[in-house]
């Protein structure tokens, strides 16, 4: 080890001198980081969303919850994906960024009152269903980020703008998209 580096490490306490070689101390125990399923960065459930309660948003949340719980738990994601694909077929025009943001925020405000789980998966699916009732299209995304592995679901406009998401959403690679242009019939 270079002398200058050794002196610096001794000075900051990263190394300490001993009269004879001794075995290293065991590493410090620490808890593993909690799994993140996409809601670690945004204050869902921690900070009350402000704004009006929306009956349409509540209906979309109830539909999402019903779809997830309508059969065997192991098939809940398959049922949700099938419903999202079916709802995307009814869209007639792309939602603007403002329309998509309004829908996502309406879902988040209404989810504050929901007695069921409303993390990113439920929020994004409910927002897609809410926009589909208005015949507006968006792209629903389910993606993954590595190190540590994290899952996240979000919506974006047909032009690719993420909707009401933190910049860190760009770290996720979409593994499944529903409603993208290549999926629409011409």
N, C-alpha and C. Protein backbone atom coordinates (compact mmCIF):
# COMPACT_ATOMS: atom_id res chain seq x y z
N UNK A 1 0.86 -1.16 0.00
CA UNK A 1 0.00 0.00 0.00
C UNK A 1 0.91 1.23 0.00
N UNK A 2 0.62 2.22 -0.85
CA UNK A 2 1.43 3.43 -0.86
C UNK A 2 1.39 4.12 0.52
N UNK A 3 2.51 4.67 0.93
CA UNK A 3 2.66 5.30 2.24
C UNK A 3 1.62 6.42 2.44
N UNK A 4 1.43 7.26 1.44
CA UNK A 4 0.51 8.39 1.56
C UNK A 4 -0.92 7.90 1.81
N UNK A 5 -1.32 6.85 1.12
CA UNK A 5 -2.66 6.28 1.30
C UNK A 5 -2.80 5.70 2.70
N UNK A 6 -1.78 4.97 3.17
CA UNK A 6 -1.83 4.38 4.51
C UNK A 6 -1.96 5.47 5.58
N UNK A 7 -1.22 6.55 5.44
CA UNK A 7 -1.29 7.66 6.40
C UNK A 7 -2.69 8.26 6.40
N UNK A 8 -3.25 8.46 5.23
CA UNK A 8 -4.60 9.02 5.13
C UNK A 8 -5.63 8.10 5.77
N UNK A 9 -5.56 6.81 5.49
CA UNK A 9 -6.51 5.85 6.06
C UNK A 9 -6.37 5.77 7.58
N UNK A 10 -5.15 5.85 8.09
CA UNK A 10 -4.95 5.89 9.53
C UNK A 10 -5.57 7.15 10.13
N UNK A 11 -5.38 8.27 9.44
CA UNK A 11 -5.87 9.57 9.92
C UNK A 11 -7.40 9.59 10.02
N UNK A 12 -8.09 9.02 9.04
CA UNK A 12 -9.57 9.07 9.05
C UNK A 12 -10.18 7.92 9.85
N UNK A 13 -9.36 7.01 10.36
CA UNK A 13 -9.88 5.93 11.19
C UNK A 13 -10.29 4.70 10.42
N UNK A 14 -9.99 4.65 9.13
CA UNK A 14 -10.33 3.47 8.35
C UNK A 14 -9.36 2.33 8.63
N UNK A 15 -8.16 2.64 9.06
CA UNK A 15 -7.16 1.65 9.49
C UNK A 15 -6.73 2.02 10.90
N UNK A 16 -6.28 1.00 11.65
CA UNK A 16 -5.70 1.30 12.95
C UNK A 16 -4.53 0.35 13.17
N UNK A 17 -3.47 0.87 13.82
CA UNK A 17 -2.27 0.05 14.01
C UNK A 17 -2.46 -1.00 15.12
N UNK A 18 -1.84 -2.17 14.94
CA UNK A 18 -1.85 -3.21 15.97
C UNK A 18 -0.42 -3.71 16.13
N UNK A 19 -0.07 -4.20 17.32
CA UNK A 19 1.30 -4.68 17.53
C UNK A 19 1.59 -5.97 16.76
N UNK A 20 0.55 -6.76 16.48
CA UNK A 20 0.73 -8.02 15.74
C UNK A 20 -0.49 -8.22 14.85
N UNK A 21 -0.34 -9.01 13.78
CA UNK A 21 -1.50 -9.26 12.93
C UNK A 21 -2.63 -9.92 13.74
N UNK A 22 -3.84 -9.44 13.50
CA UNK A 22 -5.02 -10.01 14.16
C UNK A 22 -6.10 -10.23 13.10
N UNK A 23 -7.01 -11.17 13.36
CA UNK A 23 -8.08 -11.37 12.38
C UNK A 23 -8.98 -10.13 12.31
N UNK A 24 -9.57 -9.95 11.17
CA UNK A 24 -10.47 -8.82 10.97
C UNK A 24 -11.71 -9.00 11.83
N UNK A 25 -12.25 -7.90 12.27
CA UNK A 25 -13.50 -7.96 13.02
C UNK A 25 -14.62 -8.30 12.03
N UNK A 26 -15.65 -8.94 12.56
CA UNK A 26 -16.80 -9.27 11.71
C UNK A 26 -17.43 -7.98 11.20
N UNK A 27 -17.96 -8.01 10.00
CA UNK A 27 -18.60 -6.80 9.48
C UNK A 27 -19.78 -6.41 10.37
N UNK A 28 -20.10 -5.16 10.34
CA UNK A 28 -21.22 -4.65 11.11
C UNK A 28 -22.51 -5.19 10.51
N UNK A 29 -23.37 -5.70 11.35
CA UNK A 29 -24.66 -6.21 10.87
C UNK A 29 -25.57 -5.04 10.53
N UNK A 30 -26.29 -5.19 9.46
CA UNK A 30 -27.25 -4.17 9.06
C UNK A 30 -28.45 -4.86 8.44
N UNK A 31 -29.58 -4.22 8.57
CA UNK A 31 -30.78 -4.76 7.97
C UNK A 31 -30.73 -4.60 6.46
N UNK A 32 -31.25 -5.57 5.76
CA UNK A 32 -31.34 -5.47 4.30
C UNK A 32 -32.31 -4.35 3.95
N UNK A 33 -32.07 -3.64 2.85
CA UNK A 33 -33.02 -2.59 2.48
C UNK A 33 -34.39 -3.21 2.20
N UNK A 34 -35.40 -2.45 2.53
CA UNK A 34 -36.77 -2.93 2.29
C UNK A 34 -37.03 -3.02 0.79
N UNK A 35 -37.81 -4.00 0.42
CA UNK A 35 -38.19 -4.13 -0.99
C UNK A 35 -39.02 -2.92 -1.38
N UNK A 36 -38.80 -2.45 -2.58
CA UNK A 36 -39.56 -1.33 -3.08
C UNK A 36 -40.36 -1.79 -4.28
N UNK A 37 -41.65 -1.62 -4.19
CA UNK A 37 -42.50 -1.97 -5.33
C UNK A 37 -42.99 -0.71 -6.00
N UNK A 38 -42.10 0.31 -6.04
CA UNK A 38 -42.39 1.50 -6.82
C UNK A 38 -42.92 2.67 -6.05
N UNK A 39 -43.25 2.52 -4.79
CA UNK A 39 -43.85 3.65 -4.09
C UNK A 39 -42.94 4.25 -3.04
N UNK A 40 -41.66 3.91 -3.07
CA UNK A 40 -40.75 4.38 -2.04
C UNK A 40 -40.46 5.87 -2.14
N UNK A 41 -40.54 6.43 -3.31
CA UNK A 41 -40.14 7.82 -3.48
C UNK A 41 -41.28 8.80 -3.43
N UNK A 42 -42.47 8.36 -3.67
CA UNK A 42 -43.52 9.33 -3.65
C UNK A 42 -44.40 9.10 -2.44
N UNK A 43 -44.88 10.16 -1.86
CA UNK A 43 -45.47 10.07 -0.53
C UNK A 43 -46.88 9.48 -0.46
N UNK A 44 -47.18 8.55 -1.32
CA UNK A 44 -48.52 7.94 -1.31
C UNK A 44 -48.79 7.38 0.07
N UNK A 45 -49.89 7.79 0.63
CA UNK A 45 -50.28 7.29 1.94
C UNK A 45 -49.62 8.02 3.10
N UNK A 46 -48.58 8.80 2.83
CA UNK A 46 -47.89 9.52 3.89
C UNK A 46 -48.36 10.97 3.97
N UNK A 47 -48.60 11.55 2.83
CA UNK A 47 -49.06 12.94 2.79
C UNK A 47 -50.42 12.94 2.10
N UNK A 48 -51.38 13.52 2.74
CA UNK A 48 -52.74 13.51 2.18
C UNK A 48 -52.79 14.36 0.92
N UNK A 49 -53.27 13.75 -0.14
CA UNK A 49 -53.44 14.49 -1.40
C UNK A 49 -54.61 15.44 -1.24
N UNK A 50 -54.46 16.62 -1.77
CA UNK A 50 -55.54 17.60 -1.65
C UNK A 50 -56.35 17.64 -2.93
N UNK A 51 -57.54 18.13 -2.83
CA UNK A 51 -58.40 18.26 -4.01
C UNK A 51 -59.71 17.55 -3.77
N UNK A 52 -60.57 17.66 -4.76
CA UNK A 52 -61.90 17.09 -4.70
C UNK A 52 -61.90 15.58 -4.82
N UNK A 53 -62.81 14.94 -4.12
CA UNK A 53 -63.06 13.51 -4.27
C UNK A 53 -63.74 13.30 -5.63
N UNK A 54 -63.37 12.27 -6.33
CA UNK A 54 -63.93 12.01 -7.64
C UNK A 54 -64.66 10.67 -7.65
N UNK A 55 -65.94 10.69 -7.97
CA UNK A 55 -66.71 9.46 -8.07
C UNK A 55 -66.19 8.57 -9.19
N UNK A 56 -65.81 9.19 -10.31
CA UNK A 56 -65.27 8.42 -11.44
C UNK A 56 -63.95 7.75 -11.05
N UNK A 57 -63.10 8.48 -10.31
CA UNK A 57 -61.83 7.89 -9.86
C UNK A 57 -62.09 6.76 -8.87
N UNK A 58 -63.07 6.95 -7.99
CA UNK A 58 -63.42 5.89 -7.03
C UNK A 58 -63.90 4.65 -7.76
N UNK A 59 -64.69 4.85 -8.80
CA UNK A 59 -65.18 3.71 -9.59
C UNK A 59 -64.01 2.98 -10.25
N UNK A 60 -63.04 3.72 -10.77
CA UNK A 60 -61.86 3.10 -11.40
C UNK A 60 -61.04 2.33 -10.36
N UNK A 61 -60.92 2.87 -9.16
CA UNK A 61 -60.20 2.17 -8.09
C UNK A 61 -60.93 0.90 -7.66
N UNK A 62 -62.26 0.98 -7.56
CA UNK A 62 -63.05 -0.20 -7.19
C UNK A 62 -62.92 -1.26 -8.27
N UNK A 63 -62.97 -0.86 -9.53
CA UNK A 63 -62.82 -1.82 -10.63
C UNK A 63 -61.45 -2.50 -10.57
N UNK A 64 -60.41 -1.71 -10.31
CA UNK A 64 -59.06 -2.28 -10.21
C UNK A 64 -58.99 -3.29 -9.08
N UNK A 65 -59.51 -2.92 -7.94
CA UNK A 65 -59.50 -3.82 -6.78
C UNK A 65 -60.31 -5.09 -7.06
N UNK A 66 -61.46 -4.94 -7.69
CA UNK A 66 -62.30 -6.09 -8.02
C UNK A 66 -61.57 -7.04 -8.97
N UNK A 67 -60.93 -6.48 -10.00
CA UNK A 67 -60.21 -7.30 -10.97
C UNK A 67 -59.11 -8.09 -10.28
N UNK A 68 -58.40 -7.46 -9.37
CA UNK A 68 -57.31 -8.14 -8.67
C UNK A 68 -57.81 -9.26 -7.76
N UNK A 69 -58.99 -9.09 -7.19
CA UNK A 69 -59.48 -10.04 -6.19
C UNK A 69 -60.54 -11.01 -6.73
N UNK A 70 -60.86 -10.94 -8.00
CA UNK A 70 -61.97 -11.73 -8.57
C UNK A 70 -61.65 -13.19 -8.81
N UNK A 71 -60.48 -13.64 -8.52
CA UNK A 71 -60.13 -15.03 -8.76
C UNK A 71 -58.91 -15.39 -7.96
N UNK A 72 -58.24 -16.44 -8.39
CA UNK A 72 -57.04 -16.88 -7.66
C UNK A 72 -55.99 -15.76 -7.62
N UNK A 73 -55.38 -15.59 -6.47
CA UNK A 73 -54.39 -14.53 -6.29
C UNK A 73 -53.22 -14.67 -7.27
N UNK A 74 -52.84 -15.89 -7.58
CA UNK A 74 -51.70 -16.13 -8.49
C UNK A 74 -51.97 -15.59 -9.89
N UNK A 75 -53.22 -15.36 -10.24
CA UNK A 75 -53.57 -14.88 -11.59
C UNK A 75 -54.00 -13.41 -11.59
N UNK A 76 -53.84 -12.72 -10.47
CA UNK A 76 -54.29 -11.33 -10.35
C UNK A 76 -53.63 -10.41 -11.38
N UNK A 77 -52.34 -10.55 -11.58
CA UNK A 77 -51.64 -9.70 -12.55
C UNK A 77 -52.12 -10.00 -13.97
N UNK A 78 -52.36 -11.27 -14.29
CA UNK A 78 -52.87 -11.63 -15.62
C UNK A 78 -54.24 -11.00 -15.86
N UNK A 79 -55.11 -11.05 -14.84
CA UNK A 79 -56.43 -10.44 -14.98
C UNK A 79 -56.31 -8.94 -15.20
N UNK A 80 -55.43 -8.29 -14.45
CA UNK A 80 -55.26 -6.84 -14.57
C UNK A 80 -54.72 -6.47 -15.95
N UNK A 81 -53.74 -7.20 -16.44
CA UNK A 81 -53.17 -6.94 -17.77
C UNK A 81 -54.23 -7.15 -18.85
N UNK A 82 -55.03 -8.19 -18.74
CA UNK A 82 -56.10 -8.43 -19.72
C UNK A 82 -57.11 -7.30 -19.72
N UNK A 83 -57.48 -6.83 -18.54
CA UNK A 83 -58.44 -5.72 -18.44
C UNK A 83 -57.84 -4.43 -19.01
N UNK A 84 -56.56 -4.19 -18.76
CA UNK A 84 -55.91 -3.00 -19.32
C UNK A 84 -55.87 -3.06 -20.85
N UNK A 85 -55.58 -4.25 -21.39
CA UNK A 85 -55.57 -4.40 -22.85
C UNK A 85 -56.96 -4.15 -23.43
N UNK A 86 -57.97 -4.69 -22.77
CA UNK A 86 -59.34 -4.50 -23.26
C UNK A 86 -59.74 -3.03 -23.19
N UNK A 87 -59.39 -2.35 -22.11
CA UNK A 87 -59.76 -0.94 -21.99
C UNK A 87 -59.02 -0.06 -22.99
N UNK A 88 -57.80 -0.44 -23.34
CA UNK A 88 -57.03 0.34 -24.32
C UNK A 88 -57.67 0.29 -25.70
N UNK A 89 -58.42 -0.76 -25.97
CA UNK A 89 -59.06 -0.90 -27.29
C UNK A 89 -60.17 0.13 -27.51
N UNK A 90 -60.69 0.73 -26.44
CA UNK A 90 -61.79 1.69 -26.56
C UNK A 90 -61.32 3.11 -26.79
N UNK A 91 -60.03 3.36 -26.69
CA UNK A 91 -59.52 4.73 -26.82
C UNK A 91 -59.67 5.23 -28.26
N UNK A 92 -60.05 6.48 -28.38
CA UNK A 92 -60.23 7.09 -29.70
C UNK A 92 -59.21 8.16 -30.00
N UNK A 93 -58.67 8.80 -28.95
CA UNK A 93 -57.62 9.80 -29.19
C UNK A 93 -56.65 9.79 -28.01
N UNK A 94 -55.43 10.20 -28.24
CA UNK A 94 -54.44 10.23 -27.15
C UNK A 94 -54.80 11.29 -26.11
N UNK A 95 -54.59 10.98 -24.86
CA UNK A 95 -54.80 11.95 -23.79
C UNK A 95 -53.65 12.95 -23.82
N UNK A 96 -53.96 14.19 -23.58
CA UNK A 96 -52.90 15.20 -23.46
C UNK A 96 -52.20 14.97 -22.13
N UNK A 97 -51.04 15.58 -21.97
CA UNK A 97 -50.33 15.46 -20.70
C UNK A 97 -51.19 16.00 -19.56
N UNK A 98 -51.87 17.12 -19.78
CA UNK A 98 -52.71 17.72 -18.73
C UNK A 98 -53.87 16.79 -18.36
N UNK A 99 -54.51 16.15 -19.35
CA UNK A 99 -55.60 15.23 -19.07
C UNK A 99 -55.10 14.02 -18.28
N UNK A 100 -53.94 13.52 -18.66
CA UNK A 100 -53.38 12.35 -17.97
C UNK A 100 -52.98 12.71 -16.54
N UNK A 101 -52.36 13.87 -16.35
CA UNK A 101 -51.99 14.31 -14.99
C UNK A 101 -53.23 14.46 -14.13
N UNK A 102 -54.29 15.08 -14.69
CA UNK A 102 -55.54 15.24 -13.94
C UNK A 102 -56.09 13.88 -13.49
N UNK A 103 -56.03 12.90 -14.37
CA UNK A 103 -56.54 11.57 -14.03
C UNK A 103 -55.70 10.91 -12.93
N UNK A 104 -54.39 10.97 -13.05
CA UNK A 104 -53.52 10.35 -12.04
C UNK A 104 -53.72 11.03 -10.69
N UNK A 105 -53.78 12.36 -10.67
CA UNK A 105 -53.96 13.07 -9.41
C UNK A 105 -55.34 12.81 -8.81
N UNK A 106 -56.37 12.66 -9.65
CA UNK A 106 -57.71 12.32 -9.15
C UNK A 106 -57.69 10.94 -8.48
N UNK A 107 -56.98 10.02 -9.09
CA UNK A 107 -56.86 8.67 -8.50
C UNK A 107 -56.12 8.77 -7.17
N UNK A 108 -55.03 9.50 -7.12
CA UNK A 108 -54.26 9.61 -5.87
C UNK A 108 -55.08 10.29 -4.77
N UNK A 109 -55.83 11.31 -5.12
CA UNK A 109 -56.68 11.98 -4.10
C UNK A 109 -57.73 11.03 -3.57
N UNK A 110 -58.36 10.31 -4.46
CA UNK A 110 -59.43 9.39 -4.08
C UNK A 110 -58.88 8.18 -3.34
N UNK A 111 -57.69 7.73 -3.72
CA UNK A 111 -57.07 6.56 -3.09
C UNK A 111 -56.79 6.81 -1.61
N UNK A 112 -56.64 8.08 -1.24
CA UNK A 112 -56.40 8.39 0.17
C UNK A 112 -57.53 7.83 1.04
N UNK A 113 -58.73 7.76 0.50
CA UNK A 113 -59.90 7.31 1.25
C UNK A 113 -60.17 5.81 1.06
N UNK A 114 -59.41 5.16 0.21
CA UNK A 114 -59.67 3.76 -0.12
C UNK A 114 -59.19 2.83 1.00
N UNK A 115 -59.98 1.84 1.36
CA UNK A 115 -59.58 0.90 2.41
C UNK A 115 -58.75 -0.27 1.87
N UNK A 116 -58.25 -0.16 0.65
CA UNK A 116 -57.45 -1.22 0.04
C UNK A 116 -56.09 -0.67 -0.37
N UNK A 117 -55.18 -1.56 -0.69
CA UNK A 117 -53.85 -1.17 -1.13
C UNK A 117 -53.96 -0.32 -2.39
N UNK A 118 -53.26 0.81 -2.41
CA UNK A 118 -53.21 1.64 -3.62
C UNK A 118 -51.79 2.13 -3.82
N UNK A 119 -50.95 1.24 -4.27
CA UNK A 119 -49.58 1.59 -4.62
C UNK A 119 -49.52 1.85 -6.12
N UNK A 120 -48.33 1.89 -6.68
CA UNK A 120 -48.18 2.28 -8.08
C UNK A 120 -48.96 1.41 -9.05
N UNK A 121 -49.04 0.11 -8.79
CA UNK A 121 -49.76 -0.80 -9.69
C UNK A 121 -51.24 -0.43 -9.76
N UNK A 122 -51.84 -0.26 -8.60
CA UNK A 122 -53.26 0.07 -8.55
C UNK A 122 -53.53 1.48 -9.07
N UNK A 123 -52.67 2.44 -8.70
CA UNK A 123 -52.85 3.82 -9.17
C UNK A 123 -52.77 3.91 -10.68
N UNK A 124 -51.75 3.30 -11.26
CA UNK A 124 -51.57 3.41 -12.70
C UNK A 124 -52.68 2.70 -13.47
N UNK A 125 -53.09 1.51 -12.99
CA UNK A 125 -54.18 0.79 -13.66
C UNK A 125 -55.48 1.57 -13.56
N UNK A 126 -55.77 2.10 -12.38
CA UNK A 126 -57.00 2.87 -12.20
C UNK A 126 -56.99 4.12 -13.07
N UNK A 127 -55.84 4.77 -13.20
CA UNK A 127 -55.74 5.95 -14.07
C UNK A 127 -56.00 5.56 -15.53
N UNK A 128 -55.47 4.42 -15.95
CA UNK A 128 -55.72 3.95 -17.32
C UNK A 128 -57.20 3.66 -17.53
N UNK A 129 -57.85 3.03 -16.54
CA UNK A 129 -59.29 2.76 -16.65
C UNK A 129 -60.10 4.06 -16.66
N UNK A 130 -59.72 5.00 -15.82
CA UNK A 130 -60.42 6.28 -15.77
C UNK A 130 -60.34 7.00 -17.12
N UNK A 131 -59.16 7.03 -17.71
CA UNK A 131 -59.01 7.68 -19.02
C UNK A 131 -59.75 6.90 -20.11
N UNK A 132 -59.79 5.58 -19.99
CA UNK A 132 -60.51 4.78 -20.99
C UNK A 132 -62.01 5.08 -20.97
N UNK A 133 -62.56 5.42 -19.80
CA UNK A 133 -63.98 5.77 -19.76
C UNK A 133 -64.25 7.05 -20.55
N UNK A 134 -63.21 7.84 -20.75
CA UNK A 134 -63.32 9.08 -21.54
C UNK A 134 -62.82 8.86 -22.96
N UNK A 135 -62.53 7.59 -23.27
CA UNK A 135 -62.03 7.18 -24.60
C UNK A 135 -60.69 7.84 -24.94
N UNK A 136 -59.88 8.07 -23.89
CA UNK A 136 -58.55 8.67 -24.06
C UNK A 136 -57.49 7.60 -23.87
N UNK A 137 -56.46 7.63 -24.71
CA UNK A 137 -55.42 6.61 -24.61
C UNK A 137 -54.17 7.16 -23.93
N UNK A 138 -53.54 6.28 -23.18
CA UNK A 138 -52.24 6.50 -22.57
C UNK A 138 -51.46 5.20 -22.74
N UNK A 139 -50.24 5.19 -22.29
CA UNK A 139 -49.45 3.96 -22.30
C UNK A 139 -49.24 3.56 -20.85
N UNK A 140 -49.71 2.38 -20.49
CA UNK A 140 -49.49 1.84 -19.15
C UNK A 140 -48.18 1.07 -19.19
N UNK A 141 -47.31 1.33 -18.25
CA UNK A 141 -45.99 0.69 -18.23
C UNK A 141 -45.76 -0.06 -16.93
N UNK A 142 -45.14 -1.20 -17.04
CA UNK A 142 -44.69 -1.95 -15.87
C UNK A 142 -43.22 -2.23 -16.14
N UNK A 143 -42.35 -1.75 -15.23
CA UNK A 143 -40.94 -1.86 -15.50
C UNK A 143 -40.13 -2.32 -14.31
N UNK A 144 -38.84 -2.43 -14.56
CA UNK A 144 -37.91 -2.94 -13.56
C UNK A 144 -36.65 -2.08 -13.56
N UNK A 145 -36.07 -1.92 -12.38
CA UNK A 145 -34.77 -1.26 -12.23
C UNK A 145 -33.89 -2.22 -11.43
N UNK A 146 -32.61 -2.12 -11.66
CA UNK A 146 -31.69 -3.05 -11.00
C UNK A 146 -30.90 -2.37 -9.89
N UNK A 147 -30.31 -3.19 -9.05
CA UNK A 147 -29.35 -2.81 -8.00
C UNK A 147 -29.86 -1.80 -7.02
N UNK A 148 -30.70 -2.16 -6.10
CA UNK A 148 -31.39 -3.43 -5.96
C UNK A 148 -32.57 -3.51 -6.92
N UNK A 149 -33.01 -4.72 -7.18
CA UNK A 149 -34.11 -4.93 -8.12
C UNK A 149 -35.38 -4.29 -7.54
N UNK A 150 -36.02 -3.47 -8.37
CA UNK A 150 -37.25 -2.79 -7.98
C UNK A 150 -38.24 -2.87 -9.13
N UNK A 151 -39.52 -2.96 -8.80
CA UNK A 151 -40.59 -2.96 -9.79
C UNK A 151 -41.37 -1.67 -9.65
N UNK A 152 -41.94 -1.21 -10.76
CA UNK A 152 -42.73 0.01 -10.72
C UNK A 152 -43.73 -0.02 -11.88
N UNK A 153 -44.88 0.58 -11.65
CA UNK A 153 -45.89 0.72 -12.71
C UNK A 153 -46.24 2.20 -12.79
N UNK A 154 -46.42 2.70 -14.00
CA UNK A 154 -46.73 4.11 -14.21
C UNK A 154 -47.43 4.27 -15.54
N UNK A 155 -47.93 5.45 -15.79
CA UNK A 155 -48.52 5.74 -17.09
C UNK A 155 -47.72 6.86 -17.74
N UNK A 156 -47.76 6.85 -19.04
CA UNK A 156 -47.13 7.92 -19.81
C UNK A 156 -48.02 8.24 -21.00
N UNK A 157 -47.80 9.42 -21.54
CA UNK A 157 -48.59 9.81 -22.71
C UNK A 157 -48.15 8.97 -23.90
N UNK A 158 -48.94 8.99 -24.94
CA UNK A 158 -48.60 8.26 -26.17
C UNK A 158 -47.28 8.78 -26.74
N UNK A 159 -46.97 10.06 -26.45
CA UNK A 159 -45.71 10.66 -26.92
C UNK A 159 -44.52 10.30 -26.04
N UNK A 160 -44.74 9.59 -24.93
CA UNK A 160 -43.65 9.13 -24.09
C UNK A 160 -43.35 9.95 -22.85
N UNK A 161 -44.17 10.96 -22.54
CA UNK A 161 -43.96 11.75 -21.33
C UNK A 161 -44.51 11.00 -20.13
N UNK A 162 -43.67 10.83 -19.08
CA UNK A 162 -44.18 10.20 -17.86
C UNK A 162 -45.17 11.15 -17.20
N UNK A 163 -46.15 10.58 -16.54
CA UNK A 163 -47.25 11.37 -15.97
C UNK A 163 -47.17 11.36 -14.44
N UNK A 164 -46.95 12.54 -13.87
CA UNK A 164 -46.94 12.74 -12.41
C UNK A 164 -46.00 11.76 -11.71
N UNK A 165 -44.80 11.64 -12.22
CA UNK A 165 -43.80 10.72 -11.67
C UNK A 165 -42.52 11.48 -11.35
N UNK A 166 -41.73 10.99 -10.38
CA UNK A 166 -40.44 11.62 -10.11
C UNK A 166 -39.45 11.30 -11.23
N UNK A 167 -38.40 12.11 -11.37
CA UNK A 167 -37.40 11.86 -12.43
C UNK A 167 -36.76 10.47 -12.34
N UNK A 168 -36.73 9.88 -11.15
CA UNK A 168 -36.10 8.57 -10.99
C UNK A 168 -36.85 7.46 -11.73
N UNK A 169 -38.05 7.74 -12.20
CA UNK A 169 -38.79 6.75 -12.98
C UNK A 169 -38.02 6.40 -14.25
N UNK A 170 -37.18 7.32 -14.71
CA UNK A 170 -36.39 7.05 -15.91
C UNK A 170 -35.38 5.92 -15.69
N UNK A 171 -35.12 5.55 -14.43
CA UNK A 171 -34.21 4.43 -14.15
C UNK A 171 -34.86 3.09 -14.45
N UNK A 172 -36.19 3.07 -14.61
CA UNK A 172 -36.90 1.82 -14.86
C UNK A 172 -36.98 1.54 -16.35
N UNK A 173 -36.76 0.29 -16.69
CA UNK A 173 -36.90 -0.16 -18.07
C UNK A 173 -38.25 -0.83 -18.21
N UNK A 174 -39.10 -0.31 -19.10
CA UNK A 174 -40.41 -0.95 -19.26
C UNK A 174 -40.26 -2.38 -19.76
N UNK A 175 -40.86 -3.31 -19.02
CA UNK A 175 -40.86 -4.71 -19.43
C UNK A 175 -42.17 -5.06 -20.13
N UNK A 176 -43.22 -4.29 -19.82
CA UNK A 176 -44.52 -4.50 -20.43
C UNK A 176 -45.17 -3.14 -20.62
N UNK A 177 -45.64 -2.88 -21.83
CA UNK A 177 -46.39 -1.66 -22.09
C UNK A 177 -47.71 -2.04 -22.75
N UNK A 178 -48.74 -1.32 -22.37
CA UNK A 178 -50.06 -1.55 -22.95
C UNK A 178 -50.57 -0.20 -23.44
N UNK A 179 -50.97 -0.17 -24.70
CA UNK A 179 -51.48 1.06 -25.27
C UNK A 179 -50.47 1.79 -26.12
N UNK A 180 -49.31 1.23 -26.32
CA UNK A 180 -48.31 1.88 -27.17
C UNK A 180 -48.80 1.87 -28.61
N UNK A 181 -48.29 2.78 -29.39
CA UNK A 181 -48.73 2.92 -30.79
C UNK A 181 -48.65 1.63 -31.58
N UNK A 182 -47.58 0.86 -31.37
CA UNK A 182 -47.42 -0.36 -32.14
C UNK A 182 -48.48 -1.41 -31.81
N UNK A 183 -49.24 -1.21 -30.74
CA UNK A 183 -50.27 -2.16 -30.38
C UNK A 183 -51.65 -1.80 -30.92
N UNK A 184 -51.77 -0.60 -31.46
CA UNK A 184 -53.07 -0.17 -32.00
C UNK A 184 -53.22 -0.61 -33.45
N UNK A 185 -54.43 -0.99 -33.80
CA UNK A 185 -54.70 -1.34 -35.19
C UNK A 185 -54.88 -0.07 -36.00
N UNK A 186 -54.39 -0.09 -37.21
CA UNK A 186 -54.53 1.07 -38.09
C UNK A 186 -55.84 1.02 -38.87
